[in-house]
Amino acid sequence: MGIFINFSNHPSKNWGEKQIGKALEYGEIVDIPFPAVDPSADLSEIERLAEQCVEKIMGYAPDAVMCQGEFSLSYSVISK
């Protein structure tokens, strides 16, 4: 069975039945909370945080990842 990562601040336990059903098509749902991003963070701080997030996410060897959160960190995580 695969893994669906929910990388957001929207716990899957609060999702609707249809959304949960679609995510389960990829496998077990694993919630990873999206971290707070300091508004004064510079690019190097964002990149460092993104590396940490990607390492955690990829540790699950997911089949799919939903990434929703602060735009600069989301972009960096998705790019990696």
PDB file of N, CA and C in Angstrom:
ATOM      1  N   MET A   1       0.851  -1.186   0.000  1.00  0.00           N
ATOM      2  CA  MET A   1       0.000   0.000   0.000  1.00  0.00           C
ATOM      3  C   MET A   1       0.889   1.240   0.000  1.00  0.00           C
ATOM      4  N   GLY A   2       0.474   2.252  -0.685  1.00  0.00           N
ATOM      5  CA  GLY A   2       1.244   3.478  -0.819  1.00  0.00           C
ATOM      6  C   GLY A   2       1.012   4.457   0.321  1.00  0.00           C
ATOM      7  N   ILE A   3       1.602   5.642   0.130  1.00  0.00           N
ATOM      8  CA  ILE A   3       1.506   6.714   1.123  1.00  0.00           C
ATOM      9  C   ILE A   3       1.082   8.005   0.429  1.00  0.00           C
ATOM     10  N   PHE A   4       0.119   8.683   1.006  1.00  0.00           N
ATOM     11  CA  PHE A   4      -0.311  10.015   0.573  1.00  0.00           C
ATOM     12  C   PHE A   4       0.053  10.980   1.695  1.00  0.00           C
ATOM     13  N   ILE A   5       0.950  11.911   1.415  1.00  0.00           N
ATOM     14  CA  ILE A   5       1.353  12.896   2.420  1.00  0.00           C
ATOM     15  C   ILE A   5       0.472  14.134   2.316  1.00  0.00           C
ATOM     16  N   ASN A   6      -0.098  14.505   3.430  1.00  0.00           N
ATOM     17  CA  ASN A   6      -0.844  15.753   3.554  1.00  0.00           C
ATOM     18  C   ASN A   6       0.075  16.739   4.274  1.00  0.00           C
ATOM     19  N   PHE A   7       0.811  17.545   3.488  1.00  0.00           N
ATOM     20  CA  PHE A   7       1.737  18.531   4.049  1.00  0.00           C
ATOM     21  C   PHE A   7       1.020  19.873   4.070  1.00  0.00           C
ATOM     22  N   SER A   8       0.268  20.084   5.127  1.00  0.00           N
ATOM     23  CA  SER A   8      -0.538  21.304   5.260  1.00  0.00           C
ATOM     24  C   SER A   8      -0.920  21.466   6.728  1.00  0.00           C
ATOM     25  N   ASN A   9      -1.666  22.495   7.014  1.00  0.00           N
ATOM     26  CA  ASN A   9      -2.211  22.685   8.363  1.00  0.00           C
ATOM     27  C   ASN A   9      -3.701  22.372   8.390  1.00  0.00           C
ATOM     28  N   HIS A  10      -4.095  21.459   7.512  1.00  0.00           N
ATOM     29  CA  HIS A  10      -5.487  21.018   7.421  1.00  0.00           C
ATOM     30  C   HIS A  10      -5.518  19.514   7.675  1.00  0.00           C
ATOM     31  N   PRO A  11      -5.623  19.083   8.944  1.00  0.00           N
ATOM     32  CA  PRO A  11      -5.577  17.658   9.265  1.00  0.00           C
ATOM     33  C   PRO A  11      -6.611  16.853   8.478  1.00  0.00           C
ATOM     34  N   SER A  12      -6.178  15.712   8.026  1.00  0.00           N
ATOM     35  CA  SER A  12      -7.069  14.881   7.205  1.00  0.00           C
ATOM     36  C   SER A  12      -8.311  14.437   7.975  1.00  0.00           C
ATOM     37  N   LYS A  13      -8.238  14.386   9.303  1.00  0.00           N
ATOM     38  CA  LYS A  13      -9.420  13.997  10.091  1.00  0.00           C
ATOM     39  C   LYS A  13     -10.568  14.993   9.905  1.00  0.00           C
ATOM     40  N   ASN A  14     -10.265  16.207   9.431  1.00  0.00           N
ATOM     41  CA  ASN A  14     -11.296  17.227   9.218  1.00  0.00           C
ATOM     42  C   ASN A  14     -11.771  17.286   7.769  1.00  0.00           C
ATOM     43  N   TRP A  15     -11.209  16.456   6.902  1.00  0.00           N
ATOM     44  CA  TRP A  15     -11.598  16.466   5.492  1.00  0.00           C
ATOM     45  C   TRP A  15     -12.969  15.821   5.317  1.00  0.00           C
ATOM     46  N   GLY A  16     -13.578  16.124   4.180  1.00  0.00           N
ATOM     47  CA  GLY A  16     -14.832  15.492   3.815  1.00  0.00           C
ATOM     48  C   GLY A  16     -14.590  14.066   3.330  1.00  0.00           C
ATOM     49  N   GLU A  17     -15.649  13.304   3.306  1.00  0.00           N
ATOM     50  CA  GLU A  17     -15.580  11.896   2.901  1.00  0.00           C
ATOM     51  C   GLU A  17     -15.008  11.716   1.491  1.00  0.00           C
ATOM     52  N   LYS A  18     -15.422  12.567   0.570  1.00  0.00           N
ATOM     53  CA  LYS A  18     -14.953  12.458  -0.807  1.00  0.00           C
ATOM     54  C   LYS A  18     -13.442  12.730  -0.902  1.00  0.00           C
ATOM     55  N   GLN A  19     -12.957  13.764  -0.212  1.00  0.00           N
ATOM     56  CA  GLN A  19     -11.530  14.110  -0.243  1.00  0.00           C
ATOM     57  C   GLN A  19     -10.696  12.991   0.376  1.00  0.00           C
ATOM     58  N   ILE A  20     -11.157  12.436   1.483  1.00  0.00           N
ATOM     59  CA  ILE A  20     -10.445  11.322   2.111  1.00  0.00           C
ATOM     60  C   ILE A  20     -10.407  10.125   1.172  1.00  0.00           C
ATOM     61  N   GLY A  21     -11.530   9.838   0.544  1.00  0.00           N
ATOM     62  CA  GLY A  21     -11.602   8.710  -0.386  1.00  0.00           C
ATOM     63  C   GLY A  21     -10.620   8.850  -1.536  1.00  0.00           C
ATOM     64  N   LYS A  22     -10.525  10.038  -2.095  1.00  0.00           N
ATOM     65  CA  LYS A  22      -9.590  10.272  -3.202  1.00  0.00           C
ATOM     66  C   LYS A  22      -8.147  10.142  -2.746  1.00  0.00           C
ATOM     67  N   ALA A  23      -7.820  10.665  -1.571  1.00  0.00           N
ATOM     68  CA  ALA A  23      -6.451  10.545  -1.051  1.00  0.00           C
ATOM     69  C   ALA A  23      -6.100   9.086  -0.791  1.00  0.00           C
ATOM     70  N   LEU A  24      -7.050   8.324  -0.270  1.00  0.00           N
ATOM     71  CA  LEU A  24      -6.798   6.909   0.027  1.00  0.00           C
ATOM     72  C   LEU A  24      -6.532   6.083  -1.224  1.00  0.00           C
ATOM     73  N   GLU A  25      -6.915   6.592  -2.389  1.00  0.00           N
ATOM     74  CA  GLU A  25      -6.605   5.893  -3.636  1.00  0.00           C
ATOM     75  C   GLU A  25      -5.089   5.789  -3.838  1.00  0.00           C
ATOM     76  N   TYR A  26      -4.340   6.710  -3.218  1.00  0.00           N
ATOM     77  CA  TYR A  26      -2.875   6.684  -3.306  1.00  0.00           C
ATOM     78  C   TYR A  26      -2.260   5.858  -2.186  1.00  0.00           C
ATOM     79  N   GLY A  27      -3.000   5.642  -1.119  1.00  0.00           N
ATOM     80  CA  GLY A  27      -2.504   4.868   0.010  1.00  0.00           C
ATOM     81  C   GLY A  27      -2.856   5.519   1.329  1.00  0.00           C
ATOM     82  N   GLU A  28      -2.197   5.063   2.371  1.00  0.00           N
ATOM     83  CA  GLU A  28      -2.413   5.588   3.714  1.00  0.00           C
ATOM     84  C   GLU A  28      -2.134   7.087   3.747  1.00  0.00           C
ATOM     85  N   ILE A  29      -2.981   7.843   4.454  1.00  0.00           N
ATOM     86  CA  ILE A  29      -2.798   9.292   4.586  1.00  0.00           C
ATOM     87  C   ILE A  29      -1.920   9.569   5.808  1.00  0.00           C
ATOM     88  N   VAL A  30      -0.832  10.319   5.581  1.00  0.00           N
ATOM     89  CA  VAL A  30       0.060  10.728   6.657  1.00  0.00           C
ATOM     90  C   VAL A  30       0.047  12.250   6.706  1.00  0.00           C
ATOM     91  N   ASP A  31      -0.352  12.804   7.838  1.00  0.00           N
ATOM     92  CA  ASP A  31      -0.375  14.251   8.027  1.00  0.00           C
ATOM     93  C   ASP A  31       0.989  14.728   8.525  1.00  0.00           C
ATOM     94  N   ILE A  32       1.572  15.682   7.814  1.00  0.00           N
ATOM     95  CA  ILE A  32       2.787  16.355   8.263  1.00  0.00           C
ATOM     96  C   ILE A  32       2.443  17.838   8.332  1.00  0.00           C
ATOM     97  N   PRO A  33       2.416  18.420   9.535  1.00  0.00           N
ATOM     98  CA  PRO A  33       2.040  19.833   9.656  1.00  0.00           C
ATOM     99  C   PRO A  33       3.008  20.754   8.913  1.00  0.00           C
ATOM    100  N   PHE A  34       2.455  21.713   8.213  1.00  0.00           N
ATOM    101  CA  PHE A  34       3.246  22.726   7.517  1.00  0.00           C
ATOM    102  C   PHE A  34       3.797  23.681   8.572  1.00  0.00           C
ATOM    103  N   PRO A  35       5.096  23.928   8.576  1.00  0.00           N
ATOM    104  CA  PRO A  35       5.671  24.773   9.634  1.00  0.00           C
ATOM    105  C   PRO A  35       5.351  26.259   9.462  1.00  0.00           C
ATOM    106  N   ALA A  36       5.422  26.962  10.579  1.00  0.00           N
ATOM    107  CA  ALA A  36       5.302  28.422  10.526  1.00  0.00           C
ATOM    108  C   ALA A  36       6.545  28.981   9.853  1.00  0.00           C
ATOM    109  N   VAL A  37       6.359  30.012   9.049  1.00  0.00           N
ATOM    110  CA  VAL A  37       7.471  30.653   8.345  1.00  0.00           C
ATOM    111  C   VAL A  37       7.582  32.088   8.840  1.00  0.00           C
ATOM    112  N   ASP A  38       8.749  32.412   9.333  1.00  0.00           N
ATOM    113  CA  ASP A  38       9.004  33.767   9.827  1.00  0.00           C
ATOM    114  C   ASP A  38       8.895  34.739   8.650  1.00  0.00           C
ATOM    115  N   PRO A  39       8.057  35.762   8.753  1.00  0.00           N
ATOM    116  CA  PRO A  39       7.901  36.716   7.648  1.00  0.00           C
ATOM    117  C   PRO A  39       9.195  37.437   7.286  1.00  0.00           C
ATOM    118  N   SER A  40      10.137  37.475   8.214  1.00  0.00           N
ATOM    119  CA  SER A  40      11.404  38.148   7.917  1.00  0.00           C
ATOM    120  C   SER A  40      12.483  37.170   7.423  1.00  0.00           C
ATOM    121  N   ALA A  41      12.111  35.905   7.220  1.00  0.00           N
ATOM    122  CA  ALA A  41      13.087  34.902   6.764  1.00  0.00           C
ATOM    123  C   ALA A  41      13.625  35.269   5.383  1.00  0.00           C
ATOM    124  N   ASP A  42      14.938  35.112   5.225  1.00  0.00           N
ATOM    125  CA  ASP A  42      15.530  35.358   3.911  1.00  0.00           C
ATOM    126  C   ASP A  42      15.564  34.046   3.119  1.00  0.00           C
ATOM    127  N   LEU A  43      16.040  34.127   1.885  1.00  0.00           N
ATOM    128  CA  LEU A  43      16.025  32.976   0.987  1.00  0.00           C
ATOM    129  C   LEU A  43      16.799  31.792   1.567  1.00  0.00           C
ATOM    130  N   SER A  44      17.927  32.039   2.187  1.00  0.00           N
ATOM    131  CA  SER A  44      18.716  30.929   2.729  1.00  0.00           C
ATOM    132  C   SER A  44      17.965  30.224   3.870  1.00  0.00           C
ATOM    133  N   GLU A  45      17.237  30.979   4.672  1.00  0.00           N
ATOM    134  CA  GLU A  45      16.440  30.372   5.744  1.00  0.00           C
ATOM    135  C   GLU A  45      15.297  29.537   5.179  1.00  0.00           C
ATOM    136  N   ILE A  46      14.657  30.057   4.147  1.00  0.00           N
ATOM    137  CA  ILE A  46      13.570  29.321   3.484  1.00  0.00           C
ATOM    138  C   ILE A  46      14.115  28.031   2.882  1.00  0.00           C
ATOM    139  N   GLU A  47      15.254  28.110   2.208  1.00  0.00           N
ATOM    140  CA  GLU A  47      15.852  26.927   1.586  1.00  0.00           C
ATOM    141  C   GLU A  47      16.239  25.884   2.632  1.00  0.00           C
ATOM    142  N   ARG A  48      16.778  26.312   3.749  1.00  0.00           N
ATOM    143  CA  ARG A  48      17.163  25.396   4.825  1.00  0.00           C
ATOM    144  C   ARG A  48      15.928  24.698   5.387  1.00  0.00           C
ATOM    145  N   LEU A  49      14.868  25.451   5.618  1.00  0.00           N
ATOM    146  CA  LEU A  49      13.626  24.876   6.119  1.00  0.00           C
ATOM    147  C   LEU A  49      13.029  23.912   5.092  1.00  0.00           C
ATOM    148  N   ALA A  50      13.091  24.291   3.817  1.00  0.00           N
ATOM    149  CA  ALA A  50      12.571  23.425   2.753  1.00  0.00           C
ATOM    150  C   ALA A  50      13.321  22.096   2.717  1.00  0.00           C
ATOM    151  N   GLU A  51      14.638  22.136   2.871  1.00  0.00           N
ATOM    152  CA  GLU A  51      15.439  20.906   2.885  1.00  0.00           C
ATOM    153  C   GLU A  51      14.992  19.986   4.020  1.00  0.00           C
ATOM    154  N   GLN A  52      14.759  20.568   5.187  1.00  0.00           N
ATOM    155  CA  GLN A  52      14.304  19.771   6.332  1.00  0.00           C
ATOM    156  C   GLN A  52      12.942  19.140   6.053  1.00  0.00           C
ATOM    157  N   CYS A  53      12.052  19.919   5.458  1.00  0.00           N
ATOM    158  CA  CYS A  53      10.711  19.419   5.152  1.00  0.00           C
ATOM    159  C   CYS A  53      10.766  18.305   4.114  1.00  0.00           C
ATOM    160  N   VAL A  54      11.546  18.519   3.066  1.00  0.00           N
ATOM    161  CA  VAL A  54      11.661  17.519   2.001  1.00  0.00           C
ATOM    162  C   VAL A  54      12.246  16.222   2.557  1.00  0.00           C
ATOM    163  N   GLU A  55      13.245  16.336   3.414  1.00  0.00           N
ATOM    164  CA  GLU A  55      13.850  15.135   4.006  1.00  0.00           C
ATOM    165  C   GLU A  55      12.806  14.347   4.794  1.00  0.00           C
ATOM    166  N   LYS A  56      11.999  15.048   5.571  1.00  0.00           N
ATOM    167  CA  LYS A  56      10.959  14.381   6.354  1.00  0.00           C
ATOM    168  C   LYS A  56       9.916  13.737   5.445  1.00  0.00           C
ATOM    169  N   ILE A  57       9.453  14.493   4.455  1.00  0.00           N
ATOM    170  CA  ILE A  57       8.438  13.981   3.524  1.00  0.00           C
ATOM    171  C   ILE A  57       8.955  12.765   2.771  1.00  0.00           C
ATOM    172  N   MET A  58      10.147  12.883   2.200  1.00  0.00           N
ATOM    173  CA  MET A  58      10.678  11.808   1.364  1.00  0.00           C
ATOM    174  C   MET A  58      11.072  10.582   2.181  1.00  0.00           C
ATOM    175  N   GLY A  59      11.226  10.747   3.490  1.00  0.00           N
ATOM    176  CA  GLY A  59      11.480   9.610   4.365  1.00  0.00           C
ATOM    177  C   GLY A  59      10.359   8.586   4.331  1.00  0.00           C
ATOM    178  N   TYR A  60       9.186   9.016   3.932  1.00  0.00           N
ATOM    179  CA  TYR A  60       8.035   8.120   3.808  1.00  0.00           C
ATOM    180  C   TYR A  60       7.960   7.454   2.431  1.00  0.00           C
ATOM    181  N   ALA A  61       8.794   7.881   1.492  1.00  0.00           N
ATOM    182  CA  ALA A  61       8.734   7.388   0.104  1.00  0.00           C
ATOM    183  C   ALA A  61       7.292   7.448  -0.416  1.00  0.00           C
ATOM    184  N   PRO A  62       6.709   8.656  -0.401  1.00  0.00           N
ATOM    185  CA  PRO A  62       5.289   8.780  -0.727  1.00  0.00           C
ATOM    186  C   PRO A  62       4.987   8.563  -2.209  1.00  0.00           C
ATOM    187  N   ASP A  63       3.744   8.162  -2.447  1.00  0.00           N
ATOM    188  CA  ASP A  63       3.243   8.038  -3.810  1.00  0.00           C
ATOM    189  C   ASP A  63       2.669   9.361  -4.293  1.00  0.00           C
ATOM    190  N   ALA A  64       2.220  10.198  -3.350  1.00  0.00           N
ATOM    191  CA  ALA A  64       1.664  11.509  -3.684  1.00  0.00           C
ATOM    192  C   ALA A  64       1.832  12.434  -2.481  1.00  0.00           C
ATOM    193  N   VAL A  65       1.980  13.726  -2.771  1.00  0.00           N
ATOM    194  CA  VAL A  65       2.118  14.734  -1.720  1.00  0.00           C
ATOM    195  C   VAL A  65       1.211  15.913  -2.052  1.00  0.00           C
ATOM    196  N   MET A  66       0.404  16.315  -1.082  1.00  0.00           N
ATOM    197  CA  MET A  66      -0.357  17.555  -1.206  1.00  0.00           C
ATOM    198  C   MET A  66       0.378  18.580  -0.356  1.00  0.00           C
ATOM    199  N   CYS A  67       0.818  19.669  -0.965  1.00  0.00           N
ATOM    200  CA  CYS A  67       1.582  20.711  -0.277  1.00  0.00           C
ATOM    201  C   CYS A  67       0.787  22.006  -0.329  1.00  0.00           C
ATOM    202  N   GLN A  68       0.373  22.488   0.847  1.00  0.00           N
ATOM    203  CA  GLN A  68      -0.374  23.741   0.940  1.00  0.00           C
ATOM    204  C   GLN A  68       0.147  24.531   2.129  1.00  0.00           C
ATOM    205  N   GLY A  69       0.562  25.753   1.873  1.00  0.00           N
ATOM    206  CA  GLY A  69       1.028  26.602   2.955  1.00  0.00           C
ATOM    207  C   GLY A  69       1.641  27.877   2.413  1.00  0.00           C
ATOM    208  N   GLU A  70       2.446  28.518   3.218  1.00  0.00           N
ATOM    209  CA  GLU A  70       3.095  29.774   2.849  1.00  0.00           C
ATOM    210  C   GLU A  70       3.799  29.601   1.504  1.00  0.00           C
ATOM    211  N   PHE A  71       3.616  30.578   0.618  1.00  0.00           N
ATOM    212  CA  PHE A  71       3.990  30.413  -0.789  1.00  0.00           C
ATOM    213  C   PHE A  71       5.474  30.176  -1.046  1.00  0.00           C
ATOM    214  N   SER A  72       6.352  30.925  -0.402  1.00  0.00           N
ATOM    215  CA  SER A  72       7.776  30.755  -0.716  1.00  0.00           C
ATOM    216  C   SER A  72       8.283  29.386  -0.267  1.00  0.00           C
ATOM    217  N   LEU A  73       7.845  28.912   0.888  1.00  0.00           N
ATOM    218  CA  LEU A  73       8.256  27.588   1.341  1.00  0.00           C
ATOM    219  C   LEU A  73       7.610  26.505   0.475  1.00  0.00           C
ATOM    220  N   SER A  74       6.340  26.678   0.149  1.00  0.00           N
ATOM    221  CA  SER A  74       5.681  25.699  -0.735  1.00  0.00           C
ATOM    222  C   SER A  74       6.421  25.572  -2.055  1.00  0.00           C
ATOM    223  N   TYR A  75       6.761  26.693  -2.654  1.00  0.00           N
ATOM    224  CA  TYR A  75       7.477  26.688  -3.930  1.00  0.00           C
ATOM    225  C   TYR A  75       8.815  25.960  -3.805  1.00  0.00           C
ATOM    226  N   SER A  76       9.529  26.235  -2.747  1.00  0.00           N
ATOM    227  CA  SER A  76      10.842  25.620  -2.557  1.00  0.00           C
ATOM    228  C   SER A  76      10.710  24.110  -2.328  1.00  0.00           C
ATOM    229  N   VAL A  77       9.756  23.704  -1.527  1.00  0.00           N
ATOM    230  CA  VAL A  77       9.547  22.270  -1.270  1.00  0.00           C
ATOM    231  C   VAL A  77       9.153  21.565  -2.568  1.00  0.00           C
ATOM    232  N   ILE A  78       8.212  22.111  -3.286  1.00  0.00           N
ATOM    233  CA  ILE A  78       7.748  21.496  -4.533  1.00  0.00           C
ATOM    234  C   ILE A  78       8.873  21.422  -5.546  1.00  0.00           C
ATOM    235  N   SER A  79       9.687  22.458  -5.626  1.00  0.00           N
ATOM    236  CA  SER A  79      10.814  22.483  -6.572  1.00  0.00           C
ATOM    237  C   SER A  79      11.838  21.399  -6.256  1.00  0.00           C
ATOM    238  N   LYS A  80      11.987  21.095  -4.986  1.00  0.00           N
ATOM    239  CA  LYS A  80      12.973  20.087  -4.586  1.00  0.00           C
ATOM    240  C   LYS A  80      12.429  18.698  -4.785  1.00  0.00           C
TER     241      LYS A  80
END
